[in-house]
Amino acid sequence: MSDPSPQPSPVIDLSLPPRESLPMLLGRVLYGSYAWAVFLVIALVTLVALVVVPGMDRRRHIAGVASRLILKALFIRLTLTGSQHLPPGQCVVAANHASYIDAIVVKAVLPESYAYVVKREMANVPLAGLLLRRLGTQFVERFNAQKGGRDARRVLRSATNGQSLLFFPEGTFIGKPGLLKFHSGAFMSAAYARCPVVPCVIRGTRHILPSPLFFPRPGRIEVELLPALHPPPDLPTEQAAAELRQRTRQAILERVGEPDLLA
């Protein structure tokens, strides 16, 4: 992992091959099987460690080490640019979402003090739910308005208490390349806490494990942190959040190299 000077956004081929020869298919299955075996072994060892090790800081450190180890073992080249844009204090990081491995990628590059904010369905996934809970993850209901409101208030309390948070404001991802609508939770949290939002651009994960393919492919991943955006001090909280959402989405859209699905 390195942190070179920011470069122009590369053109990344996001298309899936329409047909594969038998050797190519066999190679993808062999690499994919190896990748899943590596992931399961490291994930299970990490889960045991997270269950027995006391202290949130120690558990988050273990998760960061495990994430970097997974990517290295899979021969995935990971580069980070823009780390200087992370403020020394509290902030909200908002990243685009293209693949299931995005969570591993951001855990590998972000400071260990950050807490995930993810959809509540993940809490019910075997093993993954326990792992996320042991890392202090905030779960948010998307489909039940009453529960969703309660979850949102809990996340806001966490933000106002000084916790730095990582959001995927699209809330989900699809197989088609492009940036979806951003939900407001990340930006309401930043506006209430009066802390900056750091846009985070992830490139390459859609190629490595695109939906709905099961077997991952080797490749490279680039994470770019953009300059922090601060809540406008002269606007009410709701309006400040709306402006942060628009500016953050536009900043990511200009760098991610994928189309705007709202256009």
C-alpha atoms as a PDB file:
ATOM      1  CA  MET A   1       0.000   0.000   0.000  1.00  0.00           C
ATOM      2  CA  SER A   2       1.335   3.405  -0.967  1.00  0.00           C
ATOM      3  CA  ASP A   3       0.298   7.027  -0.916  1.00  0.00           C
ATOM      4  CA  PRO A   4       1.621   8.732  -4.055  1.00  0.00           C
ATOM      5  CA  SER A   5       0.553  12.130  -5.289  1.00  0.00           C
ATOM      6  CA  PRO A   6      -2.987  12.174  -6.748  1.00  0.00           C
ATOM      7  CA  GLN A   7      -3.103  11.330 -10.456  1.00  0.00           C
ATOM      8  CA  PRO A   8      -5.862  11.818 -13.044  1.00  0.00           C
ATOM      9  CA  SER A   9      -8.681   9.309 -12.717  1.00  0.00           C
ATOM     10  CA  PRO A  10      -7.755   6.226 -14.764  1.00  0.00           C
ATOM     11  CA  VAL A  11     -10.050   4.568 -17.254  1.00  0.00           C
ATOM     12  CA  ILE A  12     -11.005   1.204 -15.799  1.00  0.00           C
ATOM     13  CA  ASP A  13     -12.718  -1.443 -17.897  1.00  0.00           C
ATOM     14  CA  LEU A  14     -15.910  -2.209 -15.987  1.00  0.00           C
ATOM     15  CA  SER A  15     -17.492  -4.468 -18.592  1.00  0.00           C
ATOM     16  CA  LEU A  16     -17.880  -8.206 -18.078  1.00  0.00           C
ATOM     17  CA  PRO A  17     -16.628 -10.550 -20.791  1.00  0.00           C
ATOM     18  CA  PRO A  18     -19.595 -11.847 -22.801  1.00  0.00           C
ATOM     19  CA  ARG A  19     -18.020 -15.280 -23.231  1.00  0.00           C
ATOM     20  CA  GLU A  20     -15.032 -17.070 -21.750  1.00  0.00           C
ATOM     21  CA  SER A  21     -12.894 -19.782 -23.232  1.00  0.00           C
ATOM     22  CA  LEU A  22     -12.568 -22.994 -21.261  1.00  0.00           C
ATOM     23  CA  PRO A  23      -9.009 -22.184 -20.035  1.00  0.00           C
ATOM     24  CA  MET A  24     -10.127 -18.721 -18.921  1.00  0.00           C
ATOM     25  CA  LEU A  25     -13.150 -20.150 -17.124  1.00  0.00           C
ATOM     26  CA  LEU A  26     -11.029 -22.812 -15.438  1.00  0.00           C
ATOM     27  CA  GLY A  27      -8.496 -20.190 -14.342  1.00  0.00           C
ATOM     28  CA  ARG A  28     -11.230 -17.991 -12.893  1.00  0.00           C
ATOM     29  CA  VAL A  29     -12.753 -20.904 -10.981  1.00  0.00           C
ATOM     30  CA  LEU A  30      -9.364 -21.988  -9.612  1.00  0.00           C
ATOM     31  CA  TYR A  31      -8.415 -18.472  -8.519  1.00  0.00           C
ATOM     32  CA  GLY A  32     -11.901 -17.853  -7.141  1.00  0.00           C
ATOM     33  CA  SER A  33     -11.838 -21.065  -5.126  1.00  0.00           C
ATOM     34  CA  TYR A  34      -8.431 -20.145  -3.726  1.00  0.00           C
ATOM     35  CA  ALA A  35      -9.681 -16.651  -2.908  1.00  0.00           C
ATOM     36  CA  TRP A  36     -12.726 -17.904  -1.027  1.00  0.00           C
ATOM     37  CA  ALA A  37     -10.629 -20.448   0.889  1.00  0.00           C
ATOM     38  CA  VAL A  38      -8.158 -17.736   1.935  1.00  0.00           C
ATOM     39  CA  PHE A  39     -10.966 -15.392   2.914  1.00  0.00           C
ATOM     40  CA  LEU A  40     -12.795 -18.004   5.011  1.00  0.00           C
ATOM     41  CA  VAL A  41      -9.653 -19.091   6.881  1.00  0.00           C
ATOM     42  CA  ILE A  42      -8.593 -15.532   7.720  1.00  0.00           C
ATOM     43  CA  ALA A  43     -12.165 -14.468   8.510  1.00  0.00           C
ATOM     44  CA  LEU A  44     -12.711 -17.369  10.921  1.00  0.00           C
ATOM     45  CA  VAL A  45      -9.411 -16.765  12.716  1.00  0.00           C
ATOM     46  CA  THR A  46     -10.248 -13.062  12.907  1.00  0.00           C
ATOM     47  CA  LEU A  47     -13.704 -13.784  14.262  1.00  0.00           C
ATOM     48  CA  VAL A  48     -12.298 -15.953  17.055  1.00  0.00           C
ATOM     49  CA  ALA A  49      -9.840 -13.193  17.920  1.00  0.00           C
ATOM     50  CA  LEU A  50     -12.579 -10.557  17.956  1.00  0.00           C
ATOM     51  CA  VAL A  51     -14.692 -12.679  20.294  1.00  0.00           C
ATOM     52  CA  VAL A  52     -11.941 -13.238  22.867  1.00  0.00           C
ATOM     53  CA  VAL A  53      -9.912 -10.019  22.655  1.00  0.00           C
ATOM     54  CA  PRO A  54     -11.147  -7.219  24.942  1.00  0.00           C
ATOM     55  CA  GLY A  55     -11.210  -3.579  23.949  1.00  0.00           C
ATOM     56  CA  MET A  56     -12.722  -1.985  20.830  1.00  0.00           C
ATOM     57  CA  ASP A  57      -9.428  -0.421  19.736  1.00  0.00           C
ATOM     58  CA  ARG A  58      -7.631  -3.773  19.820  1.00  0.00           C
ATOM     59  CA  ARG A  59     -10.431  -5.507  17.920  1.00  0.00           C
ATOM     60  CA  ARG A  60     -10.464  -2.825  15.218  1.00  0.00           C
ATOM     61  CA  HIS A  61      -6.698  -3.113  14.894  1.00  0.00           C
ATOM     62  CA  ILE A  62      -7.023  -6.878  14.379  1.00  0.00           C
ATOM     63  CA  ALA A  63      -9.693  -6.328  11.717  1.00  0.00           C
ATOM     64  CA  GLY A  64      -7.473  -3.856   9.871  1.00  0.00           C
ATOM     65  CA  VAL A  65      -4.537  -6.266   9.864  1.00  0.00           C
ATOM     66  CA  ALA A  66      -6.794  -9.095   8.659  1.00  0.00           C
ATOM     67  CA  SER A  67      -8.199  -6.955   5.828  1.00  0.00           C
ATOM     68  CA  ARG A  68      -4.732  -6.069   4.572  1.00  0.00           C
ATOM     69  CA  LEU A  69      -3.652  -9.703   4.853  1.00  0.00           C
ATOM     70  CA  ILE A  70      -6.628 -10.902   2.770  1.00  0.00           C
ATOM     71  CA  LEU A  71      -5.874  -8.477  -0.047  1.00  0.00           C
ATOM     72  CA  LYS A  72      -2.160  -9.305  -0.004  1.00  0.00           C
ATOM     73  CA  ALA A  73      -2.814 -13.056  -0.005  1.00  0.00           C
ATOM     74  CA  LEU A  74      -5.116 -12.647  -3.021  1.00  0.00           C
ATOM     75  CA  PHE A  75      -2.402 -10.740  -4.925  1.00  0.00           C
ATOM     76  CA  ILE A  76      -4.625  -7.672  -5.148  1.00  0.00           C
ATOM     77  CA  ARG A  77      -2.646  -4.468  -5.451  1.00  0.00           C
ATOM     78  CA  LEU A  78      -4.124  -1.746  -3.249  1.00  0.00           C
ATOM     79  CA  THR A  79      -3.087   1.898  -3.534  1.00  0.00           C
ATOM     80  CA  LEU A  80      -4.248   4.868  -1.468  1.00  0.00           C
ATOM     81  CA  THR A  81      -4.052   8.534  -2.390  1.00  0.00           C
ATOM     82  CA  GLY A  82      -5.242  11.597  -0.529  1.00  0.00           C
ATOM     83  CA  SER A  83      -4.693  10.378   3.032  1.00  0.00           C
ATOM     84  CA  GLN A  84      -3.656  13.927   3.924  1.00  0.00           C
ATOM     85  CA  HIS A  85      -7.303  14.954   3.532  1.00  0.00           C
ATOM     86  CA  LEU A  86      -8.352  13.018   6.642  1.00  0.00           C
ATOM     87  CA  PRO A  87      -8.620  15.573   9.458  1.00  0.00           C
ATOM     88  CA  PRO A  88      -6.923  14.878  12.795  1.00  0.00           C
ATOM     89  CA  GLY A  89     -10.280  15.000  14.568  1.00  0.00           C
ATOM     90  CA  GLN A  90     -13.712  13.567  13.929  1.00  0.00           C
ATOM     91  CA  CYS A  91     -15.115  13.223  10.413  1.00  0.00           C
ATOM     92  CA  VAL A  92     -17.557  11.244   8.289  1.00  0.00           C
ATOM     93  CA  VAL A  93     -16.157   9.297   5.330  1.00  0.00           C
ATOM     94  CA  ALA A  94     -18.647   8.694   2.501  1.00  0.00           C
ATOM     95  CA  ALA A  95     -17.624   6.118  -0.126  1.00  0.00           C
ATOM     96  CA  ASN A  96     -19.165   4.803  -3.317  1.00  0.00           C
ATOM     97  CA  HIS A  97     -20.299   1.165  -3.197  1.00  0.00           C
ATOM     98  CA  ALA A  98     -19.686  -1.312  -6.013  1.00  0.00           C
ATOM     99  CA  SER A  99     -18.913  -4.730  -4.480  1.00  0.00           C
ATOM    100  CA  TYR A 100     -19.046  -6.859  -1.355  1.00  0.00           C
ATOM    101  CA  ILE A 101     -15.304  -6.384  -0.897  1.00  0.00           C
ATOM    102  CA  ASP A 102     -15.617  -2.604  -0.457  1.00  0.00           C
ATOM    103  CA  ALA A 103     -15.918  -3.051   3.317  1.00  0.00           C
ATOM    104  CA  ILE A 104     -12.638  -4.996   3.427  1.00  0.00           C
ATOM    105  CA  VAL A 105     -10.928  -2.348   1.312  1.00  0.00           C
ATOM    106  CA  VAL A 106     -11.921   0.633   3.456  1.00  0.00           C
ATOM    107  CA  LYS A 107     -11.024  -1.275   6.622  1.00  0.00           C
ATOM    108  CA  ALA A 108      -7.588  -1.876   5.147  1.00  0.00           C
ATOM    109  CA  VAL A 109      -6.882   1.814   4.477  1.00  0.00           C
ATOM    110  CA  LEU A 110      -8.836   3.915   6.988  1.00  0.00           C
ATOM    111  CA  PRO A 111      -7.669   4.643  10.539  1.00  0.00           C
ATOM    112  CA  GLU A 112      -8.832   1.994  12.965  1.00  0.00           C
ATOM    113  CA  SER A 113     -10.988   4.399  14.993  1.00  0.00           C
ATOM    114  CA  TYR A 114     -13.707   4.532  12.310  1.00  0.00           C
ATOM    115  CA  ALA A 115     -17.004   2.685  12.778  1.00  0.00           C
ATOM    116  CA  TYR A 116     -19.045   1.270   9.908  1.00  0.00           C
ATOM    117  CA  VAL A 117     -22.662   2.283   9.341  1.00  0.00           C
ATOM    118  CA  VAL A 118     -24.348  -0.504   7.346  1.00  0.00           C
ATOM    119  CA  LYS A 119     -27.783  -1.844   6.473  1.00  0.00           C
ATOM    120  CA  ARG A 120     -29.427  -3.813   9.277  1.00  0.00           C
ATOM    121  CA  GLU A 121     -29.747  -6.939   7.113  1.00  0.00           C
ATOM    122  CA  MET A 122     -26.024  -7.508   7.650  1.00  0.00           C
ATOM    123  CA  ALA A 123     -26.613  -8.044  11.366  1.00  0.00           C
ATOM    124  CA  ASN A 124     -28.436 -11.302  10.528  1.00  0.00           C
ATOM    125  CA  VAL A 125     -25.744 -12.732   8.239  1.00  0.00           C
ATOM    126  CA  PRO A 126     -24.094 -15.709  10.001  1.00  0.00           C
ATOM    127  CA  LEU A 127     -20.633 -14.893  11.363  1.00  0.00           C
ATOM    128  CA  ALA A 128     -20.480 -11.565   9.497  1.00  0.00           C
ATOM    129  CA  GLY A 129     -23.103 -10.078  11.809  1.00  0.00           C
ATOM    130  CA  LEU A 130     -21.177 -11.122  14.911  1.00  0.00           C
ATOM    131  CA  LEU A 131     -17.923  -9.809  13.446  1.00  0.00           C
ATOM    132  CA  LEU A 132     -19.498  -6.437  12.635  1.00  0.00           C
ATOM    133  CA  ARG A 133     -21.049  -6.117  16.085  1.00  0.00           C
ATOM    134  CA  ARG A 134     -17.702  -6.793  17.745  1.00  0.00           C
ATOM    135  CA  LEU A 135     -16.268  -3.896  15.738  1.00  0.00           C
ATOM    136  CA  GLY A 136     -18.873  -1.446  17.010  1.00  0.00           C
ATOM    137  CA  THR A 137     -20.755  -1.286  13.720  1.00  0.00           C
ATOM    138  CA  GLN A 138     -23.909   0.837  13.601  1.00  0.00           C
ATOM    139  CA  PHE A 139     -26.797  -0.980  11.877  1.00  0.00           C
ATOM    140  CA  VAL A 140     -29.525   1.045  10.156  1.00  0.00           C
ATOM    141  CA  GLU A 141     -32.981  -0.199   9.134  1.00  0.00           C
ATOM    142  CA  ARG A 142     -33.875   0.729   5.534  1.00  0.00           C
ATOM    143  CA  PHE A 143     -37.438  -0.523   5.106  1.00  0.00           C
ATOM    144  CA  ASN A 144     -39.232   0.094   8.415  1.00  0.00           C
ATOM    145  CA  ALA A 145     -39.705   3.827   8.961  1.00  0.00           C
ATOM    146  CA  GLN A 146     -40.129   3.609  12.744  1.00  0.00           C
ATOM    147  CA  LYS A 147     -37.109   1.376  13.290  1.00  0.00           C
ATOM    148  CA  GLY A 148     -35.129   3.345  10.734  1.00  0.00           C
ATOM    149  CA  GLY A 149     -35.818   6.575  12.596  1.00  0.00           C
ATOM    150  CA  ARG A 150     -34.679   5.022  15.876  1.00  0.00           C
ATOM    151  CA  ASP A 151     -31.489   3.740  14.241  1.00  0.00           C
ATOM    152  CA  ALA A 152     -30.828   7.140  12.693  1.00  0.00           C
ATOM    153  CA  ARG A 153     -31.124   8.846  16.085  1.00  0.00           C
ATOM    154  CA  ARG A 154     -28.671   6.351  17.564  1.00  0.00           C
ATOM    155  CA  VAL A 155     -26.167   7.040  14.778  1.00  0.00           C
ATOM    156  CA  LEU A 156     -26.587  10.781  15.330  1.00  0.00           C
ATOM    157  CA  ARG A 157     -25.836  10.348  19.040  1.00  0.00           C
ATOM    158  CA  SER A 158     -22.702   8.419  18.110  1.00  0.00           C
ATOM    159  CA  ALA A 159     -21.631  11.217  15.780  1.00  0.00           C
ATOM    160  CA  THR A 160     -22.296  13.966  18.293  1.00  0.00           C
ATOM    161  CA  ASN A 161     -20.253  11.997  20.858  1.00  0.00           C
ATOM    162  CA  GLY A 162     -17.215  12.310  18.615  1.00  0.00           C
ATOM    163  CA  GLN A 163     -17.199   8.937  16.812  1.00  0.00           C
ATOM    164  CA  SER A 164     -15.828   9.017  13.259  1.00  0.00           C
ATOM    165  CA  LEU A 165     -18.070   7.075  10.887  1.00  0.00           C
ATOM    166  CA  LEU A 166     -17.800   5.341   7.520  1.00  0.00           C
ATOM    167  CA  PHE A 167     -20.890   5.318   5.298  1.00  0.00           C
ATOM    168  CA  PHE A 168     -21.741   3.868   1.919  1.00  0.00           C
ATOM    169  CA  PRO A 169     -24.459   6.444   1.220  1.00  0.00           C
ATOM    170  CA  GLU A 170     -25.851   4.558  -1.788  1.00  0.00           C
ATOM    171  CA  GLY A 171     -26.985   1.936   0.730  1.00  0.00           C
ATOM    172  CA  THR A 172     -26.484  -0.936  -1.724  1.00  0.00           C
ATOM    173  CA  PHE A 173     -24.914  -1.758  -5.097  1.00  0.00           C
ATOM    174  CA  ILE A 174     -26.032  -3.309  -8.355  1.00  0.00           C
ATOM    175  CA  GLY A 175     -24.318  -5.134 -11.201  1.00  0.00           C
ATOM    176  CA  LYS A 176     -24.614  -2.201 -13.583  1.00  0.00           C
ATOM    177  CA  PRO A 177     -21.723   0.297 -13.317  1.00  0.00           C
ATOM    178  CA  GLY A 178     -22.733   3.721 -12.102  1.00  0.00           C
ATOM    179  CA  LEU A 179     -23.392   5.894  -9.081  1.00  0.00           C
ATOM    180  CA  LEU A 180     -26.777   5.498  -7.377  1.00  0.00           C
ATOM    181  CA  LYS A 181     -28.759   7.997  -5.326  1.00  0.00           C
ATOM    182  CA  PHE A 182     -27.159   9.014  -2.012  1.00  0.00           C
ATOM    183  CA  HIS A 183     -29.234   8.659   1.155  1.00  0.00           C
ATOM    184  CA  SER A 184     -29.059  11.435   3.721  1.00  0.00           C
ATOM    185  CA  GLY A 185     -27.870   9.606   6.866  1.00  0.00           C
ATOM    186  CA  ALA A 186     -24.149  10.289   6.457  1.00  0.00           C
ATOM    187  CA  PHE A 187     -24.723  13.970   5.835  1.00  0.00           C
ATOM    188  CA  MET A 188     -27.252  14.466   8.621  1.00  0.00           C
ATOM    189  CA  SER A 189     -24.712  12.930  10.991  1.00  0.00           C
ATOM    190  CA  ALA A 190     -21.991  15.309   9.793  1.00  0.00           C
ATOM    191  CA  ALA A 191     -24.298  18.335   9.901  1.00  0.00           C
ATOM    192  CA  TYR A 192     -25.470  17.570  13.454  1.00  0.00           C
ATOM    193  CA  ALA A 193     -21.931  16.909  14.683  1.00  0.00           C
ATOM    194  CA  ARG A 194     -20.600  19.898  12.697  1.00  0.00           C
ATOM    195  CA  CYS A 195     -17.772  17.741  11.390  1.00  0.00           C
ATOM    196  CA  PRO A 196     -16.444  17.474   7.824  1.00  0.00           C
ATOM    197  CA  VAL A 197     -17.308  14.856   5.218  1.00  0.00           C
ATOM    198  CA  VAL A 198     -14.405  13.257   3.350  1.00  0.00           C
ATOM    199  CA  PRO A 199     -15.525  11.822  -0.027  1.00  0.00           C
ATOM    200  CA  CYS A 200     -13.922   8.436  -0.704  1.00  0.00           C
ATOM    201  CA  VAL A 201     -13.613   7.055  -4.232  1.00  0.00           C
ATOM    202  CA  ILE A 202     -13.145   3.290  -4.651  1.00  0.00           C
ATOM    203  CA  ARG A 203     -12.121   2.025  -8.090  1.00  0.00           C
ATOM    204  CA  GLY A 204     -11.547  -1.568  -9.188  1.00  0.00           C
ATOM    205  CA  THR A 205     -13.675  -3.580  -6.763  1.00  0.00           C
ATOM    206  CA  ARG A 206     -16.515  -3.929  -9.279  1.00  0.00           C
ATOM    207  CA  HIS A 207     -14.082  -5.617 -11.664  1.00  0.00           C
ATOM    208  CA  ILE A 208     -12.709  -7.964  -9.001  1.00  0.00           C
ATOM    209  CA  LEU A 209     -16.049  -9.153  -7.594  1.00  0.00           C
ATOM    210  CA  PRO A 210     -18.938  -7.830  -9.682  1.00  0.00           C
ATOM    211  CA  SER A 211     -22.532  -8.629  -8.828  1.00  0.00           C
ATOM    212  CA  PRO A 212     -23.840 -11.273  -9.341  1.00  0.00           C
ATOM    213  CA  LEU A 213     -20.659 -13.300 -10.039  1.00  0.00           C
ATOM    214  CA  PHE A 214     -19.587 -15.670  -7.268  1.00  0.00           C
ATOM    215  CA  PHE A 215     -15.899 -16.100  -8.072  1.00  0.00           C
ATOM    216  CA  PRO A 216     -13.639 -13.054  -7.660  1.00  0.00           C
ATOM    217  CA  ARG A 217     -10.939 -12.138 -10.151  1.00  0.00           C
ATOM    218  CA  PRO A 218      -7.441 -10.748  -9.544  1.00  0.00           C
ATOM    219  CA  GLY A 219      -6.887  -7.057 -10.144  1.00  0.00           C
ATOM    220  CA  ARG A 220      -5.967  -3.747  -8.604  1.00  0.00           C
ATOM    221  CA  ILE A 221      -7.907  -1.419  -6.354  1.00  0.00           C
ATOM    222  CA  GLU A 222      -7.453   2.296  -5.964  1.00  0.00           C
ATOM    223  CA  VAL A 223      -8.825   4.311  -3.050  1.00  0.00           C
ATOM    224  CA  GLU A 224      -8.773   8.085  -3.341  1.00  0.00           C
ATOM    225  CA  LEU A 225      -9.686  10.386  -0.467  1.00  0.00           C
ATOM    226  CA  LEU A 226     -10.835  13.799  -1.651  1.00  0.00           C
ATOM    227  CA  PRO A 227     -10.619  17.151   0.148  1.00  0.00           C
ATOM    228  CA  ALA A 228     -12.910  17.437   3.162  1.00  0.00           C
ATOM    229  CA  LEU A 229     -16.241  19.216   2.774  1.00  0.00           C
ATOM    230  CA  HIS A 230     -17.463  21.218   5.753  1.00  0.00           C
ATOM    231  CA  PRO A 231     -21.104  21.843   6.734  1.00  0.00           C
ATOM    232  CA  PRO A 232     -22.133  25.400   5.788  1.00  0.00           C
ATOM    233  CA  PRO A 233     -22.205  27.253   9.144  1.00  0.00           C
ATOM    234  CA  ASP A 234     -24.971  29.639   8.107  1.00  0.00           C
ATOM    235  CA  LEU A 235     -27.552  26.994   7.143  1.00  0.00           C
ATOM    236  CA  PRO A 236     -29.971  24.980   9.327  1.00  0.00           C
ATOM    237  CA  THR A 237     -28.974  21.362   9.897  1.00  0.00           C
ATOM    238  CA  GLU A 238     -31.294  19.855   7.292  1.00  0.00           C
ATOM    239  CA  GLN A 239     -30.237  22.287   4.583  1.00  0.00           C
ATOM    240  CA  ALA A 240     -26.562  21.873   5.473  1.00  0.00           C
ATOM    241  CA  ALA A 241     -26.969  18.097   5.170  1.00  0.00           C
ATOM    242  CA  ALA A 242     -28.669  18.422   1.780  1.00  0.00           C
ATOM    243  CA  GLU A 243     -25.838  20.599   0.481  1.00  0.00           C
ATOM    244  CA  LEU A 244     -23.202  18.204   1.834  1.00  0.00           C
ATOM    245  CA  ARG A 245     -24.944  15.292   0.114  1.00  0.00           C
ATOM    246  CA  GLN A 246     -25.033  17.062  -3.242  1.00  0.00           C
ATOM    247  CA  ARG A 247     -21.412  18.243  -3.056  1.00  0.00           C
ATOM    248  CA  THR A 248     -20.122  14.849  -1.893  1.00  0.00           C
ATOM    249  CA  ARG A 249     -21.920  12.934  -4.624  1.00  0.00           C
ATOM    250  CA  GLN A 250     -20.681  15.347  -7.289  1.00  0.00           C
ATOM    251  CA  ALA A 251     -17.098  15.085  -6.039  1.00  0.00           C
ATOM    252  CA  ILE A 252     -17.202  11.266  -6.142  1.00  0.00           C
ATOM    253  CA  LEU A 253     -18.937  11.228  -9.524  1.00  0.00           C
ATOM    254  CA  GLU A 254     -16.169  13.343 -11.059  1.00  0.00           C
ATOM    255  CA  ARG A 255     -13.475  10.864  -9.951  1.00  0.00           C
ATOM    256  CA  VAL A 256     -15.014   7.393  -9.910  1.00  0.00           C
ATOM    257  CA  GLY A 257     -15.027   6.815 -13.677  1.00  0.00           C
ATOM    258  CA  GLU A 258     -18.603   5.477 -13.735  1.00  0.00           C
ATOM    259  CA  PRO A 259     -21.800   7.003 -15.149  1.00  0.00           C
ATOM    260  CA  ASP A 260     -24.408   8.924 -13.182  1.00  0.00           C
ATOM    261  CA  LEU A 261     -27.406   6.604 -12.844  1.00  0.00           C
ATOM    262  CA  LEU A 262     -29.618   9.540 -11.902  1.00  0.00           C
ATOM    263  CA  ALA A 263     -28.958  11.400 -15.157  1.00  0.00           C
END
